[in-house]
PDB file of N, CA and C in Angstrom:
ATOM      1  N   MET A   1     112.456  96.331  99.677  1.00  0.00           N
ATOM      2  CA  MET A   1     113.055  97.297 100.575  1.00  0.00           C
ATOM      3  C   MET A   1     111.975  98.074 101.342  1.00  0.00           C
ATOM      4  N   GLU A   2     110.884  98.438 100.643  1.00  0.00           N
ATOM      5  CA  GLU A   2     109.807  99.163 101.298  1.00  0.00           C
ATOM      6  C   GLU A   2     109.127  98.308 102.358  1.00  0.00           C
ATOM      7  N   ASP A   3     108.966  97.012 102.075  1.00  0.00           N
ATOM      8  CA  ASP A   3     108.340  96.106 103.036  1.00  0.00           C
ATOM      9  C   ASP A   3     109.149  96.025 104.324  1.00  0.00           C
ATOM     10  N   ALA A   4     110.459  96.008 104.216  1.00  0.00           N
ATOM     11  CA  ALA A   4     111.323  95.965 105.397  1.00  0.00           C
ATOM     12  C   ALA A   4     111.158  97.243 106.209  1.00  0.00           C
ATOM     13  N   LYS A   5     111.083  98.377 105.540  1.00  0.00           N
ATOM     14  CA  LYS A   5     110.914  99.669 106.214  1.00  0.00           C
ATOM     15  C   LYS A   5     109.558  99.714 106.924  1.00  0.00           C
ATOM     16  N   GLU A   6     108.512  99.235 106.236  1.00  0.00           N
ATOM     17  CA  GLU A   6     107.185  99.211 106.850  1.00  0.00           C
ATOM     18  C   GLU A   6     107.169  98.293 108.072  1.00  0.00           C
ATOM     19  N   GLY A   7     107.837  97.161 107.971  1.00  0.00           N
ATOM     20  CA  GLY A   7     107.913  96.235 109.094  1.00  0.00           C
ATOM     21  C   GLY A   7     108.624  96.851 110.283  1.00  0.00           C
ATOM     22  N   GLU A   8     109.710  97.557 110.012  1.00  0.00           N
ATOM     23  CA  GLU A   8     110.454  98.231 111.083  1.00  0.00           C
ATOM     24  C   GLU A   8     109.606  99.325 111.718  1.00  0.00           C
ATOM     25  N   ASP A   9     108.893 100.095 110.883  1.00  0.00           N
ATOM     26  CA  ASP A   9     108.029 101.153 111.397  1.00  0.00           C
ATOM     27  C   ASP A   9     106.920 100.578 112.273  1.00  0.00           C
ATOM     28  N   TYR A  10     106.348  99.465 111.844  1.00  0.00           N
ATOM     29  CA  TYR A  10     105.278  98.829 112.599  1.00  0.00           C
ATOM     30  C   TYR A  10     105.796  98.325 113.945  1.00  0.00           C
ATOM     31  N   GLU A  11     106.955  97.696 113.944  1.00  0.00           N
ATOM     32  CA  GLU A  11     107.553  97.208 115.189  1.00  0.00           C
ATOM     33  C   GLU A  11     107.858  98.369 116.134  1.00  0.00           C
ATOM     34  N   LYS A  12     108.340  99.476 115.584  1.00  0.00           N
ATOM     35  CA  LYS A  12     108.630 100.664 116.398  1.00  0.00           C
ATOM     36  C   LYS A  12     107.338 101.192 117.014  1.00  0.00           C
ATOM     37  N   PHE A  13     106.268 101.222 116.216  1.00  0.00           N
ATOM     38  CA  PHE A  13     104.969 101.660 116.717  1.00  0.00           C
ATOM     39  C   PHE A  13     104.498 100.765 117.863  1.00  0.00           C
ATOM     40  N   LEU A  14     104.613  99.447 117.694  1.00  0.00           N
ATOM     41  CA  LEU A  14     104.194  98.521 118.743  1.00  0.00           C
ATOM     42  C   LEU A  14     105.006  98.713 120.016  1.00  0.00           C
ATOM     43  N   ASP A  15     106.304  98.941 119.873  1.00  0.00           N
ATOM     44  CA  ASP A  15     107.159  99.190 121.037  1.00  0.00           C
ATOM     45  C   ASP A  15     106.720 100.456 121.764  1.00  0.00           C
ATOM     46  N   GLU A  16     106.458 101.522 120.996  1.00  0.00           N
ATOM     47  CA  GLU A  16     106.021 102.781 121.601  1.00  0.00           C
ATOM     48  C   GLU A  16     104.670 102.608 122.282  1.00  0.00           C
ATOM     49  N   LEU A  17     103.796 101.831 121.671  1.00  0.00           N
ATOM     50  CA  LEU A  17     102.477 101.581 122.238  1.00  0.00           C
ATOM     51  C   LEU A  17     102.583 100.847 123.571  1.00  0.00           C
ATOM     52  N   GLU A  18     103.477  99.881 123.660  1.00  0.00           N
ATOM     53  CA  GLU A  18     103.667  99.151 124.915  1.00  0.00           C
ATOM     54  C   GLU A  18     104.208 100.057 126.013  1.00  0.00           C
ATOM     55  N   GLU A  19     105.050 101.011 125.653  1.00  0.00           N
ATOM     56  CA  GLU A  19     105.705 101.862 126.637  1.00  0.00           C
ATOM     57  C   GLU A  19     104.861 103.056 127.064  1.00  0.00           C
ATOM     58  N   ASP A  20     103.895 103.483 126.259  1.00  0.00           N
ATOM     59  CA  ASP A  20     103.146 104.711 126.513  1.00  0.00           C
ATOM     60  C   ASP A  20     101.703 104.395 126.907  1.00  0.00           C
ATOM     61  N   GLN A  21     101.425 104.461 128.202  1.00  0.00           N
ATOM     62  CA  GLN A  21     100.098 104.125 128.702  1.00  0.00           C
ATOM     63  C   GLN A  21      99.044 105.096 128.173  1.00  0.00           C
ATOM     64  N   GLU A  22      99.385 106.366 128.031  1.00  0.00           N
ATOM     65  CA  GLU A  22      98.427 107.346 127.523  1.00  0.00           C
ATOM     66  C   GLU A  22      98.023 107.022 126.081  1.00  0.00           C
ATOM     67  N   MET A  23      98.991 106.631 125.261  1.00  0.00           N
ATOM     68  CA  MET A  23      98.697 106.259 123.881  1.00  0.00           C
ATOM     69  C   MET A  23      97.800 105.021 123.855  1.00  0.00           C
ATOM     70  N   ARG A  24      98.094 104.041 124.721  1.00  0.00           N
ATOM     71  CA  ARG A  24      97.295 102.815 124.776  1.00  0.00           C
ATOM     72  C   ARG A  24      95.856 103.101 125.167  1.00  0.00           C
ATOM     73  N   SER A  25      95.651 104.123 125.998  1.00  0.00           N
ATOM     74  CA  SER A  25      94.300 104.426 126.458  1.00  0.00           C
ATOM     75  C   SER A  25      93.404 104.906 125.328  1.00  0.00           C
ATOM     76  N   LYS A  26      93.994 105.312 124.216  1.00  0.00           N
ATOM     77  CA  LYS A  26      93.218 105.823 123.087  1.00  0.00           C
ATOM     78  C   LYS A  26      93.021 104.779 121.997  1.00  0.00           C
ATOM     79  N   ILE A  27      93.529 103.573 122.212  1.00  0.00           N
ATOM     80  CA  ILE A  27      93.455 102.514 121.213  1.00  0.00           C
ATOM     81  C   ILE A  27      92.827 101.282 121.854  1.00  0.00           C
ATOM     82  N   ALA A  28      91.855 100.689 121.166  1.00  0.00           N
ATOM     83  CA  ALA A  28      91.220  99.466 121.668  1.00  0.00           C
ATOM     84  C   ALA A  28      92.129  98.282 121.372  1.00  0.00           C
ATOM     85  N   LEU A  29      92.639  97.660 122.415  1.00  0.00           N
ATOM     86  CA  LEU A  29      93.505  96.491 122.279  1.00  0.00           C
ATOM     87  C   LEU A  29      92.721  95.265 122.710  1.00  0.00           C
ATOM     88  N   TYR A  30      92.823  94.196 121.943  1.00  0.00           N
ATOM     89  CA  TYR A  30      92.087  92.974 122.231  1.00  0.00           C
ATOM     90  C   TYR A  30      93.031  91.827 122.525  1.00  0.00           C
ATOM     91  N   ARG A  31      92.620  90.981 123.436  1.00  0.00           N
ATOM     92  CA  ARG A  31      93.389  89.802 123.804  1.00  0.00           C
ATOM     93  C   ARG A  31      93.176  88.738 122.732  1.00  0.00           C
ATOM     94  N   ASN A  32      94.246  88.102 122.303  1.00  0.00           N
ATOM     95  CA  ASN A  32      94.181  87.029 121.315  1.00  0.00           C
ATOM     96  C   ASN A  32      94.300  85.708 122.057  1.00  0.00           C
ATOM     97  N   GLU A  33      93.199  84.974 122.151  1.00  0.00           N
ATOM     98  CA  GLU A  33      93.181  83.703 122.879  1.00  0.00           C
ATOM     99  C   GLU A  33      94.123  82.677 122.264  1.00  0.00           C
ATOM    100  N   ASN A  34      94.411  82.795 120.961  1.00  0.00           N
ATOM    101  CA  ASN A  34      95.238  81.815 120.256  1.00  0.00           C
ATOM    102  C   ASN A  34      96.680  82.268 120.099  1.00  0.00           C
ATOM    103  N   TYR A  35      97.070  83.356 120.753  1.00  0.00           N
ATOM    104  CA  TYR A  35      98.419  83.911 120.616  1.00  0.00           C
ATOM    105  C   TYR A  35      99.465  82.933 121.134  1.00  0.00           C
ATOM    106  N   GLN A  36     100.507  82.778 120.350  1.00  0.00           N
ATOM    107  CA  GLN A  36     101.650  81.985 120.791  1.00  0.00           C
ATOM    108  C   GLN A  36     102.891  82.855 120.652  1.00  0.00           C
ATOM    109  N   ARG A  37     103.600  83.027 121.745  1.00  0.00           N
ATOM    110  CA  ARG A  37     104.774  83.886 121.765  1.00  0.00           C
ATOM    111  C   ARG A  37     105.839  83.355 120.817  1.00  0.00           C
ATOM    112  N   ALA A  38     106.436  84.256 120.051  1.00  0.00           N
ATOM    113  CA  ALA A  38     107.519  83.889 119.139  1.00  0.00           C
ATOM    114  C   ALA A  38     108.781  83.611 119.940  1.00  0.00           C
ATOM    115  N   ASP A  39     109.667  82.787 119.390  1.00  0.00           N
ATOM    116  CA  ASP A  39     110.921  82.472 120.071  1.00  0.00           C
ATOM    117  C   ASP A  39     111.723  83.727 120.368  1.00  0.00           C
ATOM    118  N   THR A  40     111.715  84.686 119.456  1.00  0.00           N
ATOM    119  CA  THR A  40     112.498  85.910 119.646  1.00  0.00           C
ATOM    120  C   THR A  40     111.938  86.774 120.765  1.00  0.00           C
ATOM    121  N   ALA A  41     110.659  86.624 121.075  1.00  0.00           N
ATOM    122  CA  ALA A  41     110.055  87.435 122.123  1.00  0.00           C
ATOM    123  C   ALA A  41     110.618  87.102 123.494  1.00  0.00           C
ATOM    124  N   SER A  42     111.118  85.900 123.670  1.00  0.00           N
ATOM    125  CA  SER A  42     111.638  85.514 124.978  1.00  0.00           C
ATOM    126  C   SER A  42     113.130  85.799 125.132  1.00  0.00           C
ATOM    127  N   MET A  43     113.742  86.376 124.133  1.00  0.00           N
ATOM    128  CA  MET A  43     115.180  86.639 124.169  1.00  0.00           C
ATOM    129  C   MET A  43     115.460  88.062 124.647  1.00  0.00           C
ATOM    130  N   THR A  44     115.108  88.365 125.904  1.00  0.00           N
ATOM    131  CA  THR A  44     115.280  89.714 126.421  1.00  0.00           C
ATOM    132  C   THR A  44     116.469  89.852 127.353  1.00  0.00           C
ATOM    133  N   ASP A  45     117.180  88.781 127.609  1.00  0.00           N
ATOM    134  CA  ASP A  45     118.360  88.807 128.481  1.00  0.00           C
ATOM    135  C   ASP A  45     118.059  89.399 129.850  1.00  0.00           C
ATOM    136  N   GLY A  46     116.855  89.128 130.373  1.00  0.00           N
ATOM    137  CA  GLY A  46     116.518  89.578 131.708  1.00  0.00           C
ATOM    138  C   GLY A  46     116.156  91.043 131.807  1.00  0.00           C
ATOM    139  N   GLU A  47     116.057  91.733 130.694  1.00  0.00           N
ATOM    140  CA  GLU A  47     115.681  93.140 130.726  1.00  0.00           C
ATOM    141  C   GLU A  47     114.234  93.256 131.176  1.00  0.00           C
ATOM    142  N   ASP A  48     113.913  94.367 131.808  1.00  0.00           N
ATOM    143  CA  ASP A  48     112.539  94.628 132.201  1.00  0.00           C
ATOM    144  C   ASP A  48     111.838  95.269 131.013  1.00  0.00           C
ATOM    145  N   VAL A  49     111.252  94.443 130.177  1.00  0.00           N
ATOM    146  CA  VAL A  49     110.616  94.910 128.954  1.00  0.00           C
ATOM    147  C   VAL A  49     109.179  95.291 129.264  1.00  0.00           C
ATOM    148  N   PRO A  50     108.751  96.503 128.884  1.00  0.00           N
ATOM    149  CA  PRO A  50     107.368  96.894 129.139  1.00  0.00           C
ATOM    150  C   PRO A  50     106.410  96.060 128.303  1.00  0.00           C
ATOM    151  N   SER A  51     105.248  95.810 128.850  1.00  0.00           N
ATOM    152  CA  SER A  51     104.219  95.091 128.112  1.00  0.00           C
ATOM    153  C   SER A  51     102.867  95.635 128.537  1.00  0.00           C
ATOM    154  N   VAL A  52     101.853  95.340 127.762  1.00  0.00           N
ATOM    155  CA  VAL A  52     100.508  95.795 128.069  1.00  0.00           C
ATOM    156  C   VAL A  52      99.915  94.848 129.103  1.00  0.00           C
ATOM    157  N   PRO A  53      99.489  95.378 130.260  1.00  0.00           N
ATOM    158  CA  PRO A  53      98.894  94.515 131.284  1.00  0.00           C
ATOM    159  C   PRO A  53      97.629  93.841 130.760  1.00  0.00           C
ATOM    160  N   LEU A  54      97.410  92.610 131.169  1.00  0.00           N
ATOM    161  CA  LEU A  54      96.280  91.828 130.694  1.00  0.00           C
ATOM    162  C   LEU A  54      94.948  92.513 130.980  1.00  0.00           C
ATOM    163  N   ASP A  55      94.838  93.204 132.112  1.00  0.00           N
ATOM    164  CA  ASP A  55      93.570  93.843 132.456  1.00  0.00           C
ATOM    165  C   ASP A  55      93.244  95.035 131.558  1.00  0.00           C
ATOM    166  N   GLU A  56      94.214  95.514 130.760  1.00  0.00           N
ATOM    167  CA  GLU A  56      93.950  96.597 129.819  1.00  0.00           C
ATOM    168  C   GLU A  56      93.432  96.076 128.483  1.00  0.00           C
ATOM    169  N   LEU A  57      93.525  94.775 128.271  1.00  0.00           N
ATOM    170  CA  LEU A  57      93.082  94.203 127.009  1.00  0.00           C
ATOM    171  C   LEU A  57      91.592  93.896 127.074  1.00  0.00           C
ATOM    172  N   LEU A  58      90.911  94.093 125.977  1.00  0.00           N
ATOM    173  CA  LEU A  58      89.484  93.831 125.915  1.00  0.00           C
ATOM    174  C   LEU A  58      89.266  92.379 125.537  1.00  0.00           C
ATOM    175  N   GLY A  59      88.521  91.660 126.330  1.00  0.00           N
ATOM    176  CA  GLY A  59      88.328  90.240 126.098  1.00  0.00           C
ATOM    177  C   GLY A  59      87.064  89.901 125.334  1.00  0.00           C
ATOM    178  N   ASP A  60      86.285  90.901 124.912  1.00  0.00           N
ATOM    179  CA  ASP A  60      85.003  90.601 124.293  1.00  0.00           C
ATOM    180  C   ASP A  60      85.026  90.635 122.771  1.00  0.00           C
ATOM    181  N   LEU A  61      86.164  90.630 122.155  1.00  0.00           N
ATOM    182  CA  LEU A  61      86.267  90.631 120.701  1.00  0.00           C
ATOM    183  C   LEU A  61      85.939  89.249 120.163  1.00  0.00           C
ATOM    184  N   THR A  62      85.045  89.199 119.199  1.00  0.00           N
ATOM    185  CA  THR A  62      84.697  87.944 118.551  1.00  0.00           C
ATOM    186  C   THR A  62      84.890  88.110 117.057  1.00  0.00           C
ATOM    187  N   LEU A  63      85.731  87.274 116.477  1.00  0.00           N
ATOM    188  CA  LEU A  63      85.978  87.318 115.045  1.00  0.00           C
ATOM    189  C   LEU A  63      85.175  86.214 114.380  1.00  0.00           C
ATOM    190  N   GLU A  64      84.547  86.553 113.261  1.00  0.00           N
ATOM    191  CA  GLU A  64      83.769  85.575 112.524  1.00  0.00           C
ATOM    192  C   GLU A  64      84.219  85.575 111.080  1.00  0.00           C
ATOM    193  N   ASP A  65      83.953  84.476 110.394  1.00  0.00           N
ATOM    194  CA  ASP A  65      84.265  84.386 108.978  1.00  0.00           C
ATOM    195  C   ASP A  65      83.338  85.295 108.191  1.00  0.00           C
ATOM    196  N   ASP A  66      83.832  85.813 107.061  1.00  0.00           N
ATOM    197  CA  ASP A  66      83.018  86.645 106.189  1.00  0.00           C
ATOM    198  C   ASP A  66      81.840  85.863 105.623  1.00  0.00           C
ATOM    199  N   GLU A  67      82.010  84.563 105.403  1.00  0.00           N
ATOM    200  CA  GLU A  67      80.934  83.734 104.864  1.00  0.00           C
ATOM    201  C   GLU A  67      79.722  83.773 105.783  1.00  0.00           C
ATOM    202  N   HIS A  68      79.954  83.703 107.083  1.00  0.00           N
ATOM    203  CA  HIS A  68      78.868  83.738 108.055  1.00  0.00           C
ATOM    204  C   HIS A  68      78.139  85.072 107.970  1.00  0.00           C
ATOM    205  N   GLU A  69      78.864  86.146 107.831  1.00  0.00           N
ATOM    206  CA  GLU A  69      78.293  87.480 107.732  1.00  0.00           C
ATOM    207  C   GLU A  69      77.464  87.610 106.461  1.00  0.00           C
ATOM    208  N   ASP A  70      77.957  87.073 105.347  1.00  0.00           N
ATOM    209  CA  ASP A  70      77.242  87.122 104.078  1.00  0.00           C
ATOM    210  C   ASP A  70      75.922  86.368 104.176  1.00  0.00           C
ATOM    211  N   GLU A  71      75.915  85.214 104.851  1.00  0.00           N
ATOM    212  CA  GLU A  71      74.701  84.423 105.017  1.00  0.00           C
ATOM    213  C   GLU A  71      73.649  85.200 105.795  1.00  0.00           C
ATOM    214  N   GLU A  72      74.062  85.929 106.825  1.00  0.00           N
ATOM    215  CA  GLU A  72      73.127  86.715 107.617  1.00  0.00           C
ATOM    216  C   GLU A  72      72.518  87.832 106.786  1.00  0.00           C
ATOM    217  N   MET A  73      73.306  88.454 105.925  1.00  0.00           N
ATOM    218  CA  MET A  73      72.820  89.551 105.098  1.00  0.00           C
ATOM    219  C   MET A  73      71.817  89.050 104.054  1.00  0.00           C
ATOM    220  N   GLU A  74      72.051  87.858 103.527  1.00  0.00           N
ATOM    221  CA  GLU A  74      71.178  87.302 102.498  1.00  0.00           C
ATOM    222  C   GLU A  74      69.888  86.748 103.089  1.00  0.00           C
ATOM    223  N   GLY A  75      69.974  86.182 104.292  1.00  0.00           N
ATOM    224  CA  GLY A  75      68.851  85.479 104.917  1.00  0.00           C
ATOM    225  C   GLY A  75      67.878  86.387 105.490  1.00  0.00           C
TER     226      GLY A  75
END
């Protein structure tokens, strides 16, 4: 039951973040090159759903495996 509540709270937060440009300006958002839209995301019935413009997303995020980081620390 708690997991469902947390999931709902998180979704509400994401919705508010998409709608509030001032809030977005205080949070670093990164573009996910491997993102694939969920089937439910396209079910908007033609509503004008707010979204974060691509130019507001930071494209310089690089994720690496922890193993690679550990090797650098040891070497």
